[in-house]
Protein backbone atom coordinates (compact mmCIF):
# COMPACT_ATOMS: atom_id res chain seq x y z
CA MET A 1 -91.37 -113.62 -133.60
CA ARG A 2 -94.68 -112.48 -132.16
CA ASN A 3 -97.84 -113.68 -133.87
CA PRO A 4 -99.04 -110.73 -136.00
CA HIS A 5 -102.65 -111.54 -135.06
CA ALA A 6 -102.03 -111.49 -131.29
CA GLY A 7 -104.33 -109.01 -129.63
CA GLU A 8 -106.30 -108.34 -132.81
CA PRO A 9 -110.03 -108.10 -132.09
CA PHE A 10 -112.19 -110.88 -133.51
CA ASP A 11 -115.92 -111.47 -133.75
CA THR A 12 -116.04 -115.25 -133.94
CA SER A 13 -119.32 -116.65 -132.60
CA ASP A 14 -119.44 -118.68 -129.40
CA GLU A 15 -120.50 -121.69 -131.47
CA ASP A 16 -117.48 -121.38 -133.75
CA ILE A 17 -115.16 -120.90 -130.76
CA ALA A 18 -116.62 -124.04 -129.14
CA ALA A 19 -116.02 -125.98 -132.35
CA ALA A 20 -112.44 -124.72 -132.61
CA LEU A 21 -111.77 -125.74 -129.00
CA GLN A 22 -112.18 -129.37 -130.07
CA ASP A 23 -108.87 -129.18 -131.95
CA VAL A 24 -106.58 -127.34 -129.54
CA SER A 25 -103.87 -128.41 -127.13
CA ILE A 26 -105.57 -128.04 -123.76
CA PRO A 27 -102.35 -127.28 -121.83
CA THR A 28 -101.54 -124.53 -124.35
CA LEU A 29 -105.12 -123.25 -124.18
CA MET A 30 -104.93 -123.03 -120.40
CA LEU A 31 -101.71 -121.02 -120.40
CA SER A 32 -103.21 -118.76 -123.07
CA LEU A 33 -106.18 -118.21 -120.78
CA VAL A 34 -103.81 -116.89 -118.12
CA HIS A 35 -102.76 -114.19 -120.61
CA MET A 36 -106.35 -113.55 -121.72
CA THR A 37 -107.79 -113.24 -118.21
CA GLY A 38 -104.79 -112.25 -116.11
CA ASP A 39 -105.80 -115.05 -113.72
CA PRO A 40 -103.13 -117.67 -112.93
CA ALA A 41 -105.80 -119.96 -111.45
CA TRP A 42 -105.98 -121.56 -114.91
CA VAL A 43 -102.63 -123.25 -114.24
CA ARG A 44 -103.01 -123.76 -110.47
CA GLY A 45 -105.88 -126.23 -110.36
CA ALA A 46 -106.28 -129.96 -110.73
CA LEU A 47 -106.61 -129.76 -114.53
CA ARG A 48 -103.01 -130.05 -115.68
CA PRO A 49 -100.81 -132.03 -118.05
CA LYS A 50 -99.01 -135.06 -116.70
CA TYR A 51 -96.05 -134.60 -119.06
CA ALA A 52 -94.88 -132.55 -122.05
CA SER A 53 -94.66 -134.44 -125.33
CA PRO A 54 -94.29 -133.47 -128.98
CA VAL A 55 -96.66 -136.30 -129.96
CA ASP A 56 -99.33 -136.03 -127.23
CA PHE A 57 -100.62 -132.48 -127.42
CA GLN A 58 -102.87 -133.05 -124.39
CA GLY A 59 -99.93 -134.01 -122.16
CA GLY A 60 -101.64 -137.13 -120.88
CA MET A 61 -104.77 -135.28 -119.73
CA SER A 62 -107.91 -137.42 -119.73
CA GLU A 63 -110.68 -136.65 -122.21
CA ALA A 64 -112.93 -135.74 -119.25
CA ASP A 65 -110.37 -133.19 -118.04
CA CYS A 66 -109.99 -131.82 -121.57
CA ALA A 67 -113.77 -131.49 -121.91
CA GLU A 68 -113.97 -129.66 -118.58
CA ALA A 69 -111.20 -127.27 -119.63
CA ARG A 70 -112.97 -126.57 -122.95
CA ALA A 71 -116.25 -125.87 -121.16
CA ARG A 72 -114.56 -123.48 -118.71
CA ALA A 73 -112.58 -121.81 -121.51
CA LEU A 74 -115.52 -120.84 -123.74
CA PRO A 75 -116.97 -118.09 -121.51
CA ALA A 76 -113.48 -116.76 -120.75
CA ILE A 77 -112.63 -116.52 -124.47
CA ALA A 78 -116.01 -114.89 -125.19
CA ALA A 79 -115.34 -112.34 -122.42
CA PHE A 80 -111.86 -111.68 -123.87
CA ARG A 81 -113.41 -111.16 -127.32
CA ASP A 82 -116.15 -108.90 -125.96
CA ALA A 83 -113.65 -106.77 -123.99
CA GLY A 84 -111.55 -106.01 -127.09
CA CYS A 85 -108.89 -108.75 -126.92
CA VAL A 86 -106.44 -107.08 -124.55
CA ALA A 87 -103.98 -109.61 -123.11
CA HIS A 88 -102.67 -109.14 -119.58
CA PRO A 89 -98.92 -108.77 -119.03
CA LEU A 90 -97.70 -111.34 -116.53
CA SER A 91 -95.12 -111.05 -113.79
CA HIS A 92 -91.96 -113.15 -113.92
CA ASP A 93 -93.36 -115.33 -111.12
CA VAL A 94 -96.56 -116.04 -113.05
CA LEU A 95 -94.57 -116.61 -116.26
CA ALA A 96 -92.49 -119.19 -114.38
CA GLU A 97 -95.70 -120.88 -113.18
CA VAL A 98 -97.09 -120.96 -116.72
CA MET A 99 -93.88 -122.47 -118.06
CA ASP A 100 -93.76 -125.04 -115.25
CA PHE A 101 -97.38 -125.95 -116.06
CA VAL A 102 -96.93 -126.49 -119.78
CA ALA A 103 -93.60 -128.30 -119.33
CA ALA A 104 -95.10 -130.40 -116.51
CA LEU A 105 -91.90 -129.79 -114.53
CA PRO A 106 -90.01 -126.84 -113.07
CA ALA A 107 -88.72 -124.49 -115.77
CA GLU A 108 -87.16 -121.86 -113.51
CA PRO A 109 -84.26 -120.79 -115.77
CA LEU A 110 -86.72 -119.63 -118.44
CA ALA A 111 -88.36 -117.22 -116.00
CA SER A 112 -85.20 -115.12 -116.01
CA LEU A 113 -85.88 -113.92 -119.57
CA PRO A 114 -86.49 -110.17 -119.68
CA THR A 115 -90.13 -109.34 -120.29
CA SER A 116 -89.04 -107.13 -123.20
CA LEU A 117 -88.42 -110.37 -125.12
CA LEU A 118 -91.90 -111.62 -124.28
CA TYR A 119 -94.10 -108.59 -124.86
CA LYS A 120 -94.46 -106.25 -127.79
CA SER A 121 -93.79 -102.63 -126.81
């Protein structure tokens, strides 16, 4: 089920966003930034999880890499907020990339899901 708050405008301050970023899964944040910005570069760079794990929410990323991702994320989230919180639909190819990124391995079969299951009409 889709999060009922997805796409809802918010007015959280930059300071509060920065504080909240201290408690997030960085791999999940980065794939969310692809949706927020429409830019798949978030999952194409050197900052990436080494593995997927239900007990290591940072996927083996170093604290330095996590700090860099948080610093890069803050202005992108502020821009998303200031533009009205409109997420960007992603192509199947980019969805496959995002899934590969967060799983830290190829997840090609998942990319065959119809976008109607992924996006609210």
